[in-house]
């Protein structure tokens, strides 16, 4: 929906987030998770006249969530929380949403 409100017919976006994260134990299996980072990205945009524009954008990201590590033989990790990104991108200046993930504990 956000893309349809822009003056572009095509877009290619790539981004990398570099940051730090922390965990605070709430119980033996439940952890509070806070991640913060700096976003560096590249966007390639083509407008309706056919003009091509490539630019670098930067931003900040924040994630607050819960990690659950069940007491089972498989080192499974479940993660859920809210994220927020603030960018100087031509397409997305602000993004907020919910992330849900599954991973392995090493």
N, C-alpha and C. Protein backbone atom coordinates (compact mmCIF):
# COMPACT_ATOMS: atom_id res chain seq x y z
N UNK A 1 0.83 -1.20 0.00
CA UNK A 1 0.00 0.00 0.00
C UNK A 1 0.86 1.25 0.00
N UNK A 2 1.93 1.25 0.80
CA UNK A 2 2.79 2.43 0.85
C UNK A 2 3.47 2.68 -0.49
N UNK A 3 3.88 1.60 -1.17
CA UNK A 3 4.54 1.74 -2.47
C UNK A 3 3.59 2.33 -3.51
N UNK A 4 2.32 1.94 -3.49
CA UNK A 4 1.34 2.45 -4.44
C UNK A 4 1.08 3.94 -4.28
N UNK A 5 1.40 4.51 -3.14
CA UNK A 5 1.21 5.94 -2.90
C UNK A 5 2.40 6.78 -3.36
N UNK A 6 3.46 6.15 -3.85
CA UNK A 6 4.65 6.87 -4.30
C UNK A 6 4.56 7.17 -5.79
N UNK A 7 5.56 7.90 -6.29
CA UNK A 7 5.65 8.24 -7.72
C UNK A 7 6.56 7.27 -8.46
N UNK A 8 6.75 6.06 -7.94
CA UNK A 8 7.68 5.11 -8.55
C UNK A 8 6.92 3.90 -9.09
N UNK A 9 7.45 3.36 -10.24
CA UNK A 9 6.84 2.16 -10.80
C UNK A 9 7.62 0.91 -10.43
N UNK A 10 8.92 1.05 -10.15
CA UNK A 10 9.71 -0.09 -9.68
C UNK A 10 10.62 0.37 -8.54
N UNK A 11 10.94 -0.58 -7.68
CA UNK A 11 11.84 -0.29 -6.57
C UNK A 11 12.58 -1.56 -6.19
N UNK A 12 13.85 -1.42 -5.89
CA UNK A 12 14.66 -2.51 -5.37
C UNK A 12 15.36 -1.98 -4.13
N UNK A 13 15.14 -2.63 -3.00
CA UNK A 13 15.66 -2.12 -1.73
C UNK A 13 16.44 -3.23 -1.03
N UNK A 14 17.62 -2.88 -0.53
CA UNK A 14 18.42 -3.80 0.29
C UNK A 14 18.89 -3.03 1.51
N UNK A 15 18.93 -3.69 2.65
CA UNK A 15 19.39 -3.01 3.86
C UNK A 15 20.11 -3.97 4.79
N UNK A 16 20.99 -3.39 5.59
CA UNK A 16 21.78 -4.12 6.58
C UNK A 16 21.63 -3.39 7.90
N UNK A 17 21.40 -4.13 8.96
CA UNK A 17 21.29 -3.54 10.29
C UNK A 17 22.45 -4.03 11.14
N UNK A 18 23.17 -3.09 11.73
CA UNK A 18 24.28 -3.39 12.63
C UNK A 18 23.91 -2.82 13.99
N UNK A 19 24.00 -3.66 15.03
CA UNK A 19 23.59 -3.15 16.32
C UNK A 19 23.98 -4.04 17.47
N UNK A 20 23.31 -3.81 18.56
CA UNK A 20 23.56 -4.56 19.80
C UNK A 20 22.23 -5.12 20.30
N UNK A 21 22.32 -6.17 21.10
CA UNK A 21 21.11 -6.70 21.71
C UNK A 21 21.43 -7.13 23.13
N UNK A 22 20.38 -7.21 23.90
CA UNK A 22 20.53 -7.62 25.29
C UNK A 22 19.36 -8.47 25.73
N UNK A 23 19.61 -9.28 26.74
CA UNK A 23 18.60 -10.19 27.28
C UNK A 23 18.56 -10.05 28.79
N UNK A 24 17.35 -10.06 29.34
CA UNK A 24 17.20 -10.06 30.81
C UNK A 24 16.32 -11.24 31.17
N UNK A 25 16.83 -12.16 31.98
CA UNK A 25 16.02 -13.33 32.36
C UNK A 25 14.80 -12.92 33.18
N UNK A 26 13.65 -13.42 32.80
CA UNK A 26 12.44 -13.23 33.57
C UNK A 26 12.13 -14.49 34.38
N UNK A 27 12.34 -15.65 33.75
CA UNK A 27 12.27 -16.96 34.41
C UNK A 27 13.40 -17.79 33.80
N UNK A 28 13.47 -19.08 34.13
CA UNK A 28 14.51 -19.95 33.56
C UNK A 28 14.37 -20.09 32.05
N UNK A 29 13.16 -19.99 31.52
CA UNK A 29 12.91 -20.21 30.10
C UNK A 29 12.47 -18.96 29.35
N UNK A 30 12.21 -17.88 30.04
CA UNK A 30 11.65 -16.68 29.42
C UNK A 30 12.60 -15.50 29.62
N UNK A 31 12.87 -14.77 28.52
CA UNK A 31 13.82 -13.66 28.55
C UNK A 31 13.20 -12.44 27.88
N UNK A 32 13.48 -11.27 28.45
CA UNK A 32 13.13 -10.00 27.82
C UNK A 32 14.27 -9.67 26.85
N UNK A 33 13.94 -9.28 25.62
CA UNK A 33 14.93 -9.04 24.59
C UNK A 33 14.79 -7.61 24.06
N UNK A 34 15.91 -6.88 24.02
CA UNK A 34 15.95 -5.52 23.48
C UNK A 34 17.09 -5.44 22.48
N UNK A 35 16.76 -5.06 21.24
CA UNK A 35 17.75 -4.89 20.17
C UNK A 35 17.69 -3.46 19.67
N UNK A 36 18.83 -2.88 19.39
CA UNK A 36 18.90 -1.56 18.78
C UNK A 36 19.98 -1.54 17.72
N UNK A 37 19.75 -0.82 16.64
CA UNK A 37 20.75 -0.84 15.59
C UNK A 37 20.67 0.34 14.65
N UNK A 38 21.70 0.43 13.81
CA UNK A 38 21.78 1.43 12.76
C UNK A 38 21.56 0.70 11.43
N UNK A 39 20.68 1.26 10.60
CA UNK A 39 20.36 0.67 9.31
C UNK A 39 21.10 1.43 8.22
N UNK A 40 21.75 0.68 7.33
CA UNK A 40 22.37 1.25 6.14
C UNK A 40 21.78 0.51 4.96
N UNK A 41 21.26 1.25 3.98
CA UNK A 41 20.59 0.58 2.88
C UNK A 41 20.82 1.27 1.55
N UNK A 42 20.33 0.61 0.50
CA UNK A 42 20.43 1.11 -0.86
C UNK A 42 19.07 0.89 -1.53
N UNK A 43 18.59 1.92 -2.22
CA UNK A 43 17.34 1.78 -2.94
C UNK A 43 17.52 2.24 -4.38
N UNK A 44 16.99 1.45 -5.30
CA UNK A 44 17.01 1.75 -6.73
C UNK A 44 15.57 1.98 -7.15
N UNK A 45 15.27 3.21 -7.58
CA UNK A 45 13.90 3.61 -7.86
C UNK A 45 13.75 4.07 -9.31
N UNK A 46 12.64 3.71 -9.95
CA UNK A 46 12.31 4.18 -11.29
C UNK A 46 10.94 4.84 -11.21
N UNK A 47 10.87 6.12 -11.66
CA UNK A 47 9.58 6.81 -11.61
C UNK A 47 8.79 6.59 -12.91
N UNK A 48 7.59 7.17 -12.96
CA UNK A 48 6.70 6.94 -14.09
C UNK A 48 7.25 7.48 -15.41
N UNK A 49 8.15 8.46 -15.35
CA UNK A 49 8.74 9.00 -16.59
C UNK A 49 9.90 8.14 -17.08
N UNK A 50 10.30 7.13 -16.29
CA UNK A 50 11.40 6.26 -16.66
C UNK A 50 12.74 6.68 -16.08
N UNK A 51 12.78 7.77 -15.34
CA UNK A 51 14.02 8.24 -14.71
C UNK A 51 14.42 7.27 -13.59
N UNK A 52 15.69 6.94 -13.56
CA UNK A 52 16.24 5.97 -12.61
C UNK A 52 17.03 6.72 -11.55
N UNK A 53 16.84 6.36 -10.30
CA UNK A 53 17.52 7.02 -9.19
C UNK A 53 18.00 5.95 -8.21
N UNK A 54 19.28 5.99 -7.89
CA UNK A 54 19.84 5.07 -6.89
C UNK A 54 20.40 5.90 -5.76
N UNK A 55 20.08 5.52 -4.54
CA UNK A 55 20.54 6.30 -3.39
C UNK A 55 20.77 5.41 -2.19
N UNK A 56 21.60 5.90 -1.28
CA UNK A 56 21.88 5.25 -0.01
C UNK A 56 20.99 5.90 1.05
N UNK A 57 20.44 5.09 1.95
CA UNK A 57 19.67 5.64 3.05
C UNK A 57 20.18 5.06 4.37
N UNK A 58 19.88 5.75 5.45
CA UNK A 58 20.28 5.33 6.79
C UNK A 58 19.06 5.42 7.71
N UNK A 59 19.16 4.77 8.85
CA UNK A 59 18.06 4.82 9.80
C UNK A 59 18.42 4.17 11.12
N UNK A 60 17.45 4.11 11.98
CA UNK A 60 17.59 3.49 13.30
C UNK A 60 16.52 2.42 13.47
N UNK A 61 16.87 1.34 14.16
CA UNK A 61 15.90 0.28 14.42
C UNK A 61 15.87 -0.05 15.91
N UNK A 62 14.71 -0.50 16.36
CA UNK A 62 14.52 -0.88 17.76
C UNK A 62 13.57 -2.07 17.79
N UNK A 63 13.88 -3.05 18.63
CA UNK A 63 13.03 -4.22 18.80
C UNK A 63 12.90 -4.51 20.29
N UNK A 64 11.69 -4.76 20.74
CA UNK A 64 11.43 -5.15 22.13
C UNK A 64 10.54 -6.38 22.09
N UNK A 65 11.02 -7.46 22.70
CA UNK A 65 10.26 -8.70 22.62
C UNK A 65 10.56 -9.67 23.74
N UNK A 66 10.02 -10.85 23.56
CA UNK A 66 10.15 -11.94 24.52
C UNK A 66 10.78 -13.14 23.80
N UNK A 67 11.74 -13.80 24.45
CA UNK A 67 12.33 -15.04 23.96
C UNK A 67 11.88 -16.17 24.88
N UNK A 68 11.51 -17.28 24.29
CA UNK A 68 11.13 -18.46 25.06
C UNK A 68 12.00 -19.62 24.62
N UNK A 69 12.70 -20.24 25.57
CA UNK A 69 13.55 -21.40 25.31
C UNK A 69 12.96 -22.57 26.09
N UNK A 70 12.22 -23.47 25.41
CA UNK A 70 11.59 -24.58 26.12
C UNK A 70 12.60 -25.62 26.59
N UNK A 71 12.23 -26.35 27.64
CA UNK A 71 13.07 -27.44 28.17
C UNK A 71 12.84 -28.72 27.38
N UNK A 72 13.39 -28.77 26.17
CA UNK A 72 13.29 -29.95 25.33
C UNK A 72 14.68 -30.27 24.77
N UNK A 73 14.83 -31.46 24.19
CA UNK A 73 16.14 -31.89 23.68
C UNK A 73 16.63 -31.03 22.52
N UNK A 74 15.70 -30.55 21.69
CA UNK A 74 16.08 -29.68 20.56
C UNK A 74 16.31 -28.26 21.10
N UNK A 75 17.44 -27.62 20.74
CA UNK A 75 17.73 -26.28 21.26
C UNK A 75 16.91 -25.20 20.55
N UNK A 76 15.60 -25.24 20.69
CA UNK A 76 14.67 -24.37 20.01
C UNK A 76 14.50 -23.05 20.77
N UNK A 77 14.37 -21.94 20.02
CA UNK A 77 14.12 -20.61 20.60
C UNK A 77 12.94 -20.00 19.85
N UNK A 78 11.96 -19.50 20.58
CA UNK A 78 10.82 -18.81 20.00
C UNK A 78 10.90 -17.34 20.38
N UNK A 79 10.63 -16.45 19.43
CA UNK A 79 10.79 -15.02 19.66
C UNK A 79 9.58 -14.28 19.11
N UNK A 80 9.09 -13.30 19.84
CA UNK A 80 7.99 -12.46 19.39
C UNK A 80 8.14 -11.08 20.02
N UNK A 81 7.79 -10.05 19.24
CA UNK A 81 7.89 -8.71 19.79
C UNK A 81 7.51 -7.65 18.78
N UNK A 82 7.74 -6.42 19.15
CA UNK A 82 7.39 -5.25 18.34
C UNK A 82 8.68 -4.59 17.86
N UNK A 83 8.71 -4.23 16.57
CA UNK A 83 9.87 -3.52 16.03
C UNK A 83 9.45 -2.16 15.50
N UNK A 84 10.42 -1.27 15.40
CA UNK A 84 10.21 0.06 14.85
C UNK A 84 11.46 0.46 14.08
N UNK A 85 11.26 1.03 12.89
CA UNK A 85 12.37 1.53 12.08
C UNK A 85 12.05 2.94 11.63
N UNK A 86 13.04 3.83 11.74
CA UNK A 86 12.94 5.20 11.25
C UNK A 86 14.04 5.36 10.21
N UNK A 87 13.64 5.72 8.97
CA UNK A 87 14.58 5.76 7.85
C UNK A 87 14.46 7.07 7.09
N UNK A 88 15.52 7.43 6.34
CA UNK A 88 15.41 8.56 5.43
C UNK A 88 15.23 8.07 3.99
N UNK A 89 14.59 6.93 3.83
CA UNK A 89 14.29 6.32 2.53
C UNK A 89 13.20 7.11 1.82
N UNK A 90 13.23 7.10 0.48
CA UNK A 90 12.17 7.73 -0.30
C UNK A 90 10.88 6.91 -0.25
N UNK A 91 10.98 5.61 0.05
CA UNK A 91 9.81 4.74 0.09
C UNK A 91 9.20 4.63 1.47
N UNK A 92 10.01 4.31 2.46
CA UNK A 92 9.52 4.08 3.82
C UNK A 92 10.30 4.94 4.80
N UNK A 93 9.61 5.90 5.43
CA UNK A 93 10.26 6.73 6.44
C UNK A 93 10.09 6.16 7.83
N UNK A 94 9.02 5.41 8.02
CA UNK A 94 8.70 4.90 9.34
C UNK A 94 8.01 3.56 9.17
N UNK A 95 8.43 2.57 9.94
CA UNK A 95 7.82 1.25 9.87
C UNK A 95 7.71 0.70 11.28
N UNK A 96 6.55 0.21 11.62
CA UNK A 96 6.33 -0.41 12.92
C UNK A 96 5.51 -1.68 12.68
N UNK A 97 5.82 -2.72 13.43
CA UNK A 97 5.11 -3.97 13.22
C UNK A 97 5.47 -5.02 14.26
N UNK A 98 5.04 -6.23 13.98
CA UNK A 98 5.27 -7.36 14.88
C UNK A 98 6.18 -8.36 14.18
N UNK A 99 7.16 -8.86 14.91
CA UNK A 99 8.05 -9.91 14.41
C UNK A 99 7.83 -11.16 15.24
N UNK A 100 7.79 -12.28 14.54
CA UNK A 100 7.71 -13.59 15.17
C UNK A 100 8.79 -14.45 14.54
N UNK A 101 9.56 -15.16 15.36
CA UNK A 101 10.64 -15.96 14.81
C UNK A 101 10.87 -17.24 15.57
N UNK A 102 11.53 -18.15 14.87
CA UNK A 102 11.94 -19.43 15.44
C UNK A 102 13.42 -19.61 15.10
N UNK A 103 14.21 -20.04 16.08
CA UNK A 103 15.64 -20.23 15.84
C UNK A 103 16.20 -21.37 16.66
N UNK A 104 17.50 -21.52 16.55
CA UNK A 104 18.22 -22.54 17.30
C UNK A 104 19.20 -21.87 18.26
N UNK A 105 19.35 -22.45 19.44
CA UNK A 105 20.26 -21.95 20.46
C UNK A 105 21.61 -22.65 20.30
N UNK A 106 22.68 -21.85 20.24
CA UNK A 106 24.02 -22.41 20.12
C UNK A 106 24.82 -22.18 21.39
